[in-house]
Amino acid sequence: MSDVAIKVENLGKLYRLGEVGTGTLSQDLNRWWAQVRGKEDPFAKIGEANDRTKKGSSDFVWSLKDVNFEVKKGEVLGIIGRNGAGKSTLLKILSKVTAPTTGKIKVDGRIASLLEVGTGFHPELTGRENIFLNGAILGMSKTEIRAKFDEIVDFSGVERYIDTPVKRYSSGMYVRLAFAVSAFLEPEILIVDEVLAVGDAEFQKKCLGRMKDVSVNDGRTVLFVSHNMAAVQQLCTTGILLKNGQLFYDGEVRKTLQEYFAMQKNVFESDLGSRTDRKGTGLIKFTSIEFYDSHNQPIYNIVTGQQLSLKLKFENNIQDKKDHNVRFDVIIMDENENMISMLTTFYQHNNTYIHSDSAYYTISIPKLPLSQGNYTLGIYCKIDEDEADWIMNAMEFTVEEGDFFNCGRVMPRGFGAVAIEHTIQLH
């Protein structure tokens, strides 16, 4: 354990879905007695069948299961994975915010965690008071905190408001002060979740520099979770990849990122040809969607502001040899199924004769204006006045942080919230 800062063995976290109890001990006992006798749950909700083979109010889910890894002292570990992979749950267990269901963790050193904006801050206390409170929680003396106080305030940039209750801070001020406290009060282990996304680009750069400094110069251990793969590659030396709550890969950060991109590739290359949740006559049938960069190379990590192309392959089942008015649409929706934008040939009124059995459209986007988040693509084709093919949720993709500025304009009503500069060409 001499050179190991954190050792995780067979770690698991089980959550129960739905209601945990009825609300009273007597009703819980009545429910248990009914289950023992094989009777229907007397407190089941209307419409909920007492079928143990289906999901109900007593289902369980493993957020983490059988996770094993080690973090050496002075190491910067990147923890990556898709949404819902278990990253935040792992950090909460390591930070002792929640307890594991199975397994154990051995930690050598004090841990400072920055998991959510304002975690560990008392909203009624001032910034100054919260600095001393957090330092005390970390086991620091008043003398040690005073020695670092000026550096913390200077780094956070909230000197003017340091004696104001933090409940009046903006989310950006909150996270700047919280990070400064965690980074300057010299814990042996620093845990940072996605909260840095709240700060502006300049502050994020300062944070990355500070984390690099505390690991290289001070020999402290850093655990870093982010969807910004460029930041992970720049900062981290090793990485772990989580998938569905389990450890998928553990090793050098470059290889970990390769595994992550390969995982994303499998998501992108879904077989649209076999999809049954489609509408239309079938005269045109979409078969795949692919993403390419400015050098015509396939890409699986998409960032705000980058140049990219979408390639939509399709089968042509039109039997006659005549020109037809062919319209192609790609609809971009956010994770709440709100339409963000539409890429369309609606304004191109030229009739088209598609002479081959298979073809594809390319949609070129010089600067992607989508901000960080999860999105869904819907694809649509209309031949003359008939819908030929329509798949509402053709694929999901994630956009990572990038250059969001100067990337779009407001669209007319009915065409989404963002205008994406694009051209469409038939090949």
Protein backbone atom coordinates (compact mmCIF):
# COMPACT_ATOMS: atom_id res chain seq x y z
CA MET A 1 0.00 0.00 0.00
CA SER A 2 3.11 2.26 0.23
CA ASP A 3 2.85 3.67 -3.32
CA VAL A 4 -0.92 3.10 -3.76
CA ALA A 5 -3.25 6.01 -2.97
CA ILE A 6 -6.55 4.22 -3.69
CA LYS A 7 -7.31 0.52 -4.01
CA VAL A 8 -10.81 -0.57 -5.05
CA GLU A 9 -11.77 -4.23 -4.64
CA ASN A 10 -15.01 -5.84 -5.95
CA LEU A 11 -16.90 -2.58 -5.59
CA GLY A 12 -20.65 -2.63 -6.21
CA LYS A 13 -23.57 -0.29 -5.65
CA LEU A 14 -27.16 -1.53 -5.79
CA TYR A 15 -30.09 0.84 -6.06
CA ARG A 16 -33.74 0.03 -5.63
CA LEU A 17 -36.11 1.47 -8.21
CA GLY A 18 -39.45 2.97 -7.33
CA GLU A 19 -40.80 3.21 -3.80
CA VAL A 20 -38.57 1.77 -1.09
CA GLY A 21 -41.35 1.38 1.47
CA THR A 22 -45.05 2.03 2.01
CA GLY A 23 -44.40 4.70 4.59
CA THR A 24 -45.30 2.83 7.77
CA LEU A 25 -43.90 -0.24 9.50
CA SER A 26 -47.31 -1.95 9.77
CA GLN A 27 -47.96 -1.62 6.01
CA ASP A 28 -44.45 -2.87 5.22
CA LEU A 29 -45.14 -5.95 7.36
CA ASN A 30 -48.49 -6.52 5.64
CA ARG A 31 -46.79 -6.31 2.24
CA TRP A 32 -44.09 -8.78 3.36
CA TRP A 33 -46.69 -11.21 4.72
CA ALA A 34 -48.62 -11.08 1.44
CA GLN A 35 -45.44 -11.83 -0.53
CA VAL A 36 -44.60 -14.79 1.75
CA ARG A 37 -48.05 -16.31 1.07
CA GLY A 38 -47.83 -15.60 -2.66
CA LYS A 39 -50.71 -13.12 -2.51
CA GLU A 40 -51.12 -9.89 -4.44
CA ASP A 41 -49.40 -6.82 -3.00
CA PRO A 42 -52.14 -5.05 -0.99
CA PHE A 43 -50.42 -1.70 -1.58
CA ALA A 44 -49.72 -2.10 -5.31
CA LYS A 45 -50.59 0.92 -7.39
CA ILE A 46 -53.54 0.76 -9.75
CA GLY A 47 -52.47 -0.78 -13.04
CA GLU A 48 -49.30 -2.37 -11.62
CA ALA A 49 -49.49 -6.14 -11.97
CA ASN A 50 -47.91 -8.35 -9.34
CA ASP A 51 -45.56 -9.91 -11.88
CA ARG A 52 -42.01 -10.49 -10.60
CA THR A 53 -40.71 -11.13 -14.12
CA LYS A 54 -41.39 -7.53 -15.12
CA LYS A 55 -40.15 -4.22 -13.82
CA GLY A 56 -42.13 -2.98 -10.85
CA SER A 57 -41.76 -0.98 -7.71
CA SER A 58 -39.38 -3.53 -6.11
CA ASP A 59 -36.84 -3.82 -8.95
CA PHE A 60 -33.13 -3.33 -8.30
CA VAL A 61 -30.37 -2.05 -10.55
CA TRP A 62 -26.58 -2.27 -10.19
CA SER A 63 -25.12 1.17 -10.78
CA LEU A 64 -21.66 -0.39 -10.24
CA LYS A 65 -20.70 -4.05 -10.13
CA ASP A 66 -17.39 -5.90 -9.54
CA VAL A 67 -15.16 -2.87 -10.10
CA ASN A 68 -11.44 -3.36 -9.31
CA PHE A 69 -8.56 -0.93 -9.88
CA GLU A 70 -5.64 0.83 -8.21
CA VAL A 71 -4.47 4.45 -8.32
CA LYS A 72 -0.84 5.14 -7.47
CA LYS A 73 0.31 8.22 -5.58
CA GLY A 74 0.93 11.19 -7.87
CA GLU A 75 -1.11 9.63 -10.67
CA VAL A 76 -3.78 11.53 -12.62
CA LEU A 77 -6.56 9.07 -13.42
CA GLY A 78 -9.19 9.90 -16.03
CA ILE A 79 -12.56 8.19 -15.55
CA ILE A 80 -14.59 8.12 -18.76
CA GLY A 81 -17.68 6.43 -20.14
CA ARG A 82 -21.05 7.23 -21.64
CA ASN A 83 -23.85 8.77 -19.59
CA GLY A 84 -25.16 6.28 -17.03
CA ALA A 85 -21.94 4.24 -17.00
CA GLY A 86 -21.49 4.76 -13.24
CA LYS A 87 -18.80 7.46 -13.15
CA SER A 88 -20.51 9.80 -10.69
CA THR A 89 -21.60 6.91 -8.48
CA LEU A 90 -17.99 5.74 -8.26
CA LEU A 91 -16.80 9.21 -7.24
CA LYS A 92 -19.53 9.53 -4.61
CA ILE A 93 -18.46 6.23 -3.07
CA LEU A 94 -14.79 7.24 -3.11
CA SER A 95 -15.74 10.56 -1.50
CA LYS A 96 -17.85 8.75 1.13
CA VAL A 97 -20.99 10.60 0.07
CA THR A 98 -22.66 7.20 -0.25
CA ALA A 99 -21.68 3.73 0.92
CA PRO A 100 -20.96 0.74 -1.35
CA THR A 101 -23.26 -2.27 -1.37
CA THR A 102 -20.39 -4.70 -1.91
CA GLY A 103 -16.60 -4.55 -1.90
CA LYS A 104 -14.18 -2.26 -0.11
CA ILE A 105 -11.95 0.75 -0.70
CA LYS A 106 -8.54 1.43 0.83
CA VAL A 107 -7.47 5.09 0.80
CA ASP A 108 -4.10 6.47 1.88
CA GLY A 109 -4.52 10.22 2.43
CA ARG A 110 -7.10 12.97 2.78
CA ILE A 111 -9.65 13.34 -0.02
CA ALA A 112 -11.06 16.63 -1.31
CA SER A 113 -14.03 16.24 -3.67
CA LEU A 114 -15.66 18.58 -6.13
CA LEU A 115 -18.67 16.59 -7.32
CA GLU A 116 -21.45 19.13 -7.74
CA VAL A 117 -21.70 22.90 -7.61
CA GLY A 118 -21.81 23.89 -3.95
CA THR A 119 -21.12 20.47 -2.46
CA GLY A 120 -19.90 21.03 1.11
CA PHE A 121 -20.76 24.73 1.13
CA HIS A 122 -23.30 26.17 3.56
CA PRO A 123 -25.44 28.68 1.63
CA GLU A 124 -25.97 30.99 4.62
CA LEU A 125 -22.24 31.34 5.33
CA THR A 126 -19.98 33.77 3.51
CA GLY A 127 -17.24 32.74 1.12
CA ARG A 128 -14.64 33.41 3.83
CA GLU A 129 -16.49 31.28 6.38
CA ASN A 130 -16.96 28.44 3.90
CA ILE A 131 -13.23 28.38 3.15
CA PHE A 132 -12.48 27.85 6.85
CA LEU A 133 -15.34 25.34 7.18
CA ASN A 134 -14.11 23.23 4.25
CA GLY A 135 -10.56 23.41 5.52
CA ALA A 136 -11.67 22.13 8.91
CA ILE A 137 -13.57 19.28 7.27
CA LEU A 138 -10.36 18.35 5.44
CA GLY A 139 -8.50 18.31 8.75
CA MET A 140 -6.56 21.53 8.22
CA SER A 141 -5.71 23.86 11.10
CA LYS A 142 -6.64 27.55 11.08
CA THR A 143 -2.97 28.43 10.62
CA GLU A 144 -2.72 26.22 7.50
CA ILE A 145 -5.93 27.68 6.05
CA ARG A 146 -4.80 31.27 6.67
CA ALA A 147 -1.52 30.52 4.90
CA LYS A 148 -3.45 29.51 1.76
CA PHE A 149 -6.35 31.95 2.09
CA ASP A 150 -5.01 34.69 -0.21
CA GLU A 151 -4.10 32.17 -2.93
CA ILE A 152 -7.59 30.64 -2.79
CA VAL A 153 -9.33 34.02 -3.09
CA ASP A 154 -7.01 35.20 -5.86
CA PHE A 155 -7.46 32.02 -7.90
CA SER A 156 -11.26 32.04 -7.55
CA GLY A 157 -11.59 35.72 -8.53
CA VAL A 158 -14.38 36.39 -6.00
CA GLU A 159 -12.42 38.73 -3.71
CA ARG A 160 -15.07 41.44 -3.92
CA TYR A 161 -17.76 39.05 -2.67
CA ILE A 162 -15.73 37.00 -0.18
CA ASP A 163 -17.80 38.32 2.75
CA THR A 164 -21.14 37.80 0.99
CA PRO A 165 -23.25 34.66 1.74
CA VAL A 166 -22.57 32.14 -1.01
CA LYS A 167 -26.30 31.65 -1.63
CA ARG A 168 -26.06 34.91 -3.57
CA TYR A 169 -23.22 33.64 -5.79
CA SER A 170 -23.79 32.65 -9.40
CA SER A 171 -23.09 29.02 -10.31
CA GLY A 172 -19.80 30.10 -11.90
CA MET A 173 -18.65 31.94 -8.75
CA TYR A 174 -19.72 28.96 -6.65
CA VAL A 175 -17.67 26.46 -8.62
CA ARG A 176 -14.62 28.76 -8.87
CA LEU A 177 -14.44 29.15 -5.11
CA ALA A 178 -15.20 25.47 -4.47
CA PHE A 179 -12.43 24.35 -6.83
CA ALA A 180 -9.93 26.82 -5.35
CA VAL A 181 -10.64 25.52 -1.84
CA SER A 182 -10.20 21.91 -2.93
CA ALA A 183 -7.05 22.57 -4.95
CA PHE A 184 -5.17 24.86 -2.54
CA LEU A 185 -5.85 23.27 0.86
CA GLU A 186 -3.43 20.47 -0.04
CA PRO A 187 -5.39 17.23 0.21
CA GLU A 188 -3.43 14.14 -0.82
CA ILE A 189 -6.21 13.11 -3.23
CA LEU A 190 -8.29 15.51 -5.36
CA ILE A 191 -11.50 14.24 -7.00
CA VAL A 192 -13.08 16.42 -9.71
CA ASP A 193 -16.32 15.66 -11.56
CA GLU A 194 -17.87 17.44 -14.58
CA VAL A 195 -18.54 20.58 -12.54
CA LEU A 196 -15.76 22.47 -14.35
CA ALA A 197 -18.15 22.75 -17.29
CA VAL A 198 -19.89 25.52 -15.31
CA GLY A 199 -16.87 27.83 -15.51
CA ASP A 200 -15.82 29.85 -18.54
CA ALA A 201 -13.08 28.72 -20.92
CA GLU A 202 -10.38 30.80 -19.23
CA PHE A 203 -11.19 29.40 -15.78
CA GLN A 204 -11.30 25.81 -17.12
CA LYS A 205 -7.80 26.35 -18.50
CA LYS A 206 -6.64 27.60 -15.08
CA CYS A 207 -8.19 24.55 -13.39
CA LEU A 208 -6.48 22.11 -15.73
CA GLY A 209 -3.18 23.88 -15.15
CA ARG A 210 -3.65 23.75 -11.38
CA MET A 211 -4.51 20.02 -11.43
CA LYS A 212 -1.43 19.36 -13.55
CA ASP A 213 0.64 21.38 -11.10
CA VAL A 214 -0.57 19.58 -7.96
CA SER A 215 0.11 16.18 -9.53
CA VAL A 216 3.51 16.88 -11.15
CA ASN A 217 5.03 19.33 -8.66
CA ASP A 218 3.28 18.36 -5.43
CA GLY A 219 3.00 14.61 -6.09
CA ARG A 220 -0.70 14.50 -5.25
CA THR A 221 -3.25 12.13 -6.76
CA VAL A 222 -6.05 13.43 -9.01
CA LEU A 223 -9.20 11.62 -10.19
CA PHE A 224 -10.81 13.46 -13.10
CA VAL A 225 -14.17 12.76 -14.76
CA SER A 226 -15.01 14.57 -17.98
CA HIS A 227 -16.68 14.17 -21.37
CA ASN A 228 -14.03 16.48 -22.80
CA MET A 229 -11.62 13.89 -24.21
CA ALA A 230 -9.05 16.53 -25.17
CA ALA A 231 -8.83 17.61 -21.51
CA VAL A 232 -8.56 13.99 -20.37
CA GLN A 233 -5.72 13.33 -22.82
CA GLN A 234 -3.92 16.53 -21.83
CA LEU A 235 -4.19 16.06 -18.07
CA CYS A 236 -4.31 12.33 -17.30
CA THR A 237 -1.60 9.68 -17.33
CA THR A 238 -3.86 6.64 -16.91
CA GLY A 239 -7.56 6.00 -17.40
CA ILE A 240 -10.42 3.67 -16.70
CA LEU A 241 -13.41 3.15 -18.98
CA LEU A 242 -16.77 2.24 -17.44
CA LYS A 243 -19.59 0.60 -19.35
CA ASN A 244 -22.98 -0.20 -17.81
CA GLY A 245 -21.55 -0.01 -14.31
CA GLN A 246 -18.62 -2.34 -14.96
CA LEU A 247 -14.93 -1.75 -15.59
CA PHE A 248 -14.46 -2.13 -19.35
CA TYR A 249 -10.79 -1.07 -19.60
CA ASP A 250 -8.00 0.03 -17.24
CA GLY A 251 -4.66 1.25 -18.55
CA GLU A 252 -2.65 4.02 -20.19
CA VAL A 253 -4.84 7.03 -21.05
CA ARG A 254 -4.18 6.95 -24.81
CA LYS A 255 -5.31 3.34 -25.05
CA THR A 256 -8.30 4.04 -22.80
CA LEU A 257 -9.43 6.81 -25.16
CA GLN A 258 -9.02 4.47 -28.14
CA GLU A 259 -11.29 1.95 -26.43
CA TYR A 260 -13.82 4.70 -25.72
CA PHE A 261 -13.84 5.86 -29.35
CA ALA A 262 -14.21 2.25 -30.50
CA MET A 263 -17.23 1.98 -28.20
CA GLN A 264 -18.65 5.15 -29.74
CA LYS A 265 -18.02 3.72 -33.19
CA ASN A 266 -20.27 0.76 -32.41
CA VAL A 267 -23.00 3.21 -31.41
CA PHE A 268 -22.62 5.23 -34.62
CA GLU A 269 -22.52 2.27 -37.00
CA SER A 270 -25.99 0.97 -36.27
CA ASP A 271 -27.66 -0.98 -39.07
CA LEU A 272 -30.52 1.19 -40.30
CA GLY A 273 -31.40 -1.26 -43.04
CA SER A 274 -32.90 -3.73 -40.56
CA ARG A 275 -34.82 -1.16 -38.52
CA THR A 276 -38.54 -1.87 -38.33
CA ASP A 277 -39.57 1.37 -36.57
CA ARG A 278 -39.84 3.25 -39.87
CA LYS A 279 -42.60 4.66 -42.04
CA GLY A 280 -42.92 5.14 -45.78
CA THR A 281 -43.36 3.46 -49.13
CA GLY A 282 -39.80 2.04 -49.19
CA LEU A 283 -38.93 3.60 -52.56
CA ILE A 284 -35.91 4.99 -50.72
CA LYS A 285 -34.56 3.06 -47.72
CA PHE A 286 -31.84 4.47 -45.47
CA THR A 287 -29.08 1.99 -44.58
CA SER A 288 -26.51 3.93 -42.51
CA ILE A 289 -25.32 7.27 -41.13
CA GLU A 290 -21.60 8.03 -40.83
CA PHE A 291 -19.61 11.04 -39.55
CA TYR A 292 -16.44 12.32 -41.26
CA ASP A 293 -13.95 15.07 -40.42
CA SER A 294 -12.50 17.74 -42.72
CA HIS A 295 -9.96 15.20 -44.04
CA ASN A 296 -12.72 12.71 -44.94
CA GLN A 297 -11.72 10.41 -42.08
CA PRO A 298 -14.39 8.71 -39.92
CA ILE A 299 -14.87 10.40 -36.53
CA TYR A 300 -16.56 9.13 -33.39
CA ASN A 301 -15.97 12.06 -31.01
CA ILE A 302 -17.85 15.20 -32.01
CA VAL A 303 -17.03 18.61 -30.52
CA THR A 304 -18.68 22.00 -30.72
CA GLY A 305 -17.39 24.19 -33.53
CA GLN A 306 -15.69 21.48 -35.57
CA GLN A 307 -16.05 20.94 -39.30
CA LEU A 308 -17.75 17.65 -40.12
CA SER A 309 -19.81 15.82 -42.73
CA LEU A 310 -22.69 13.38 -42.41
CA LYS A 311 -22.97 10.62 -45.00
CA LEU A 312 -26.47 9.12 -45.39
CA LYS A 313 -26.42 5.90 -47.41
CA PHE A 314 -29.64 4.53 -48.88
CA GLU A 315 -31.11 1.90 -51.17
CA ASN A 316 -32.92 3.08 -54.29
CA ASN A 317 -36.03 1.03 -55.06
CA ILE A 318 -37.54 3.37 -57.66
CA GLN A 319 -38.28 1.21 -60.71
CA ASP A 320 -39.08 3.78 -63.39
CA LYS A 321 -36.45 5.82 -65.22
CA LYS A 322 -38.06 9.23 -64.65
CA ASP A 323 -37.07 12.28 -62.70
CA HIS A 324 -38.71 12.70 -59.31
CA ASN A 325 -38.85 15.51 -56.80
CA VAL A 326 -36.72 14.00 -53.98
CA ARG A 327 -36.53 15.73 -50.59
CA PHE A 328 -34.11 14.69 -47.82
CA ASP A 329 -34.29 15.95 -44.22
CA VAL A 330 -32.15 15.33 -41.15
CA ILE A 331 -33.78 16.48 -37.90
CA ILE A 332 -31.60 17.11 -34.82
CA MET A 333 -33.36 16.77 -31.45
CA ASP A 334 -32.06 17.26 -27.93
CA GLU A 335 -32.39 14.67 -25.14
CA ASN A 336 -35.86 16.07 -24.30
CA GLU A 337 -36.97 15.47 -27.90
CA ASN A 338 -37.11 19.18 -28.70
CA MET A 339 -36.23 19.88 -32.33
CA ILE A 340 -32.99 21.87 -32.48
CA SER A 341 -32.54 22.18 -36.24
CA MET A 342 -33.36 20.68 -39.61
CA LEU A 343 -30.88 20.05 -42.44
CA THR A 344 -32.96 19.88 -45.60
CA THR A 345 -33.12 20.00 -49.38
CA PHE A 346 -36.56 21.65 -49.07
CA TYR A 347 -35.39 24.78 -50.92
CA GLN A 348 -33.78 22.80 -53.75
CA HIS A 349 -36.67 22.34 -56.19
CA ASN A 350 -34.75 20.55 -58.94
CA ASN A 351 -36.11 17.17 -59.98
CA THR A 352 -33.66 14.30 -59.57
CA TYR A 353 -33.13 11.01 -61.35
CA ILE A 354 -31.33 8.50 -59.10
CA HIS A 355 -29.94 5.96 -61.54
CA SER A 356 -28.09 3.52 -59.21
CA ASP A 357 -29.43 0.93 -56.76
CA SER A 358 -27.46 2.47 -53.89
CA ALA A 359 -26.35 6.05 -53.32
CA TYR A 360 -25.66 8.50 -50.52
CA TYR A 361 -26.06 12.13 -49.56
CA THR A 362 -23.34 14.13 -47.82
CA ILE A 363 -24.24 17.00 -45.51
CA SER A 364 -21.33 19.34 -44.90
CA ILE A 365 -21.29 21.46 -41.73
CA PRO A 366 -18.41 23.97 -41.66
CA LYS A 367 -18.75 24.76 -37.95
CA LEU A 368 -21.02 22.69 -35.69
CA PRO A 369 -22.98 25.09 -33.44
CA LEU A 370 -24.36 22.49 -31.03
CA SER A 371 -23.32 22.87 -27.41
CA GLN A 372 -22.17 20.00 -25.21
CA GLY A 373 -24.89 17.37 -24.70
CA ASN A 374 -26.72 14.34 -26.08
CA TYR A 375 -28.68 14.50 -29.32
CA THR A 376 -30.80 12.30 -31.58
CA LEU A 377 -30.97 12.29 -35.38
CA GLY A 378 -34.20 11.68 -37.27
CA ILE A 379 -34.02 11.07 -41.04
CA TYR A 380 -36.73 11.60 -43.64
CA CYS A 381 -37.15 11.21 -47.40
CA LYS A 382 -40.07 12.24 -49.57
CA ILE A 383 -40.53 11.23 -53.23
CA ASP A 384 -42.89 13.61 -55.02
CA GLU A 385 -45.85 13.73 -52.58
CA ASP A 386 -45.24 10.44 -50.78
CA GLU A 387 -43.12 9.66 -47.72
CA ALA A 388 -40.48 7.18 -48.88
CA ASP A 389 -38.65 6.55 -45.58
CA TRP A 390 -38.85 8.07 -42.13
CA ILE A 391 -36.99 6.96 -38.98
CA MET A 392 -37.72 9.23 -36.03
CA ASN A 393 -34.80 8.10 -33.80
CA ALA A 394 -32.22 6.92 -36.28
CA MET A 395 -29.21 7.32 -33.99
CA GLU A 396 -27.92 9.04 -30.85
CA PHE A 397 -24.70 11.02 -30.61
CA THR A 398 -22.86 13.11 -28.00
CA VAL A 399 -21.28 16.51 -28.58
CA GLU A 400 -18.30 17.38 -26.39
CA GLU A 401 -17.01 20.80 -25.39
CA GLY A 402 -15.47 22.97 -28.07
CA ASP A 403 -15.66 26.41 -29.68
CA PHE A 404 -19.31 27.46 -29.38
CA PHE A 405 -18.88 31.11 -30.33
CA ASN A 406 -19.93 32.42 -33.78
CA CYS A 407 -21.55 29.09 -34.68
CA GLY A 408 -25.08 29.83 -35.85
CA ARG A 409 -28.12 32.10 -36.08
CA VAL A 410 -31.79 31.96 -35.15
CA MET A 411 -33.96 29.86 -37.48
CA PRO A 412 -37.49 30.65 -38.71
CA ARG A 413 -40.28 29.11 -36.64
CA GLY A 414 -40.77 25.44 -37.46
CA PHE A 415 -37.17 24.71 -38.46
CA GLY A 416 -35.61 24.36 -35.00
CA ALA A 417 -33.74 26.61 -32.62
CA VAL A 418 -30.34 26.68 -34.34
CA ALA A 419 -29.38 27.34 -37.96
CA ILE A 420 -26.54 25.07 -39.07
CA GLU A 421 -24.74 26.31 -42.16
CA HIS A 422 -24.70 23.37 -44.56
CA THR A 423 -24.73 22.17 -48.14
CA ILE A 424 -26.17 18.90 -49.43
CA GLN A 425 -24.90 17.11 -52.52
CA LEU A 426 -26.02 13.90 -54.22
CA HIS A 427 -23.33 11.39 -55.20
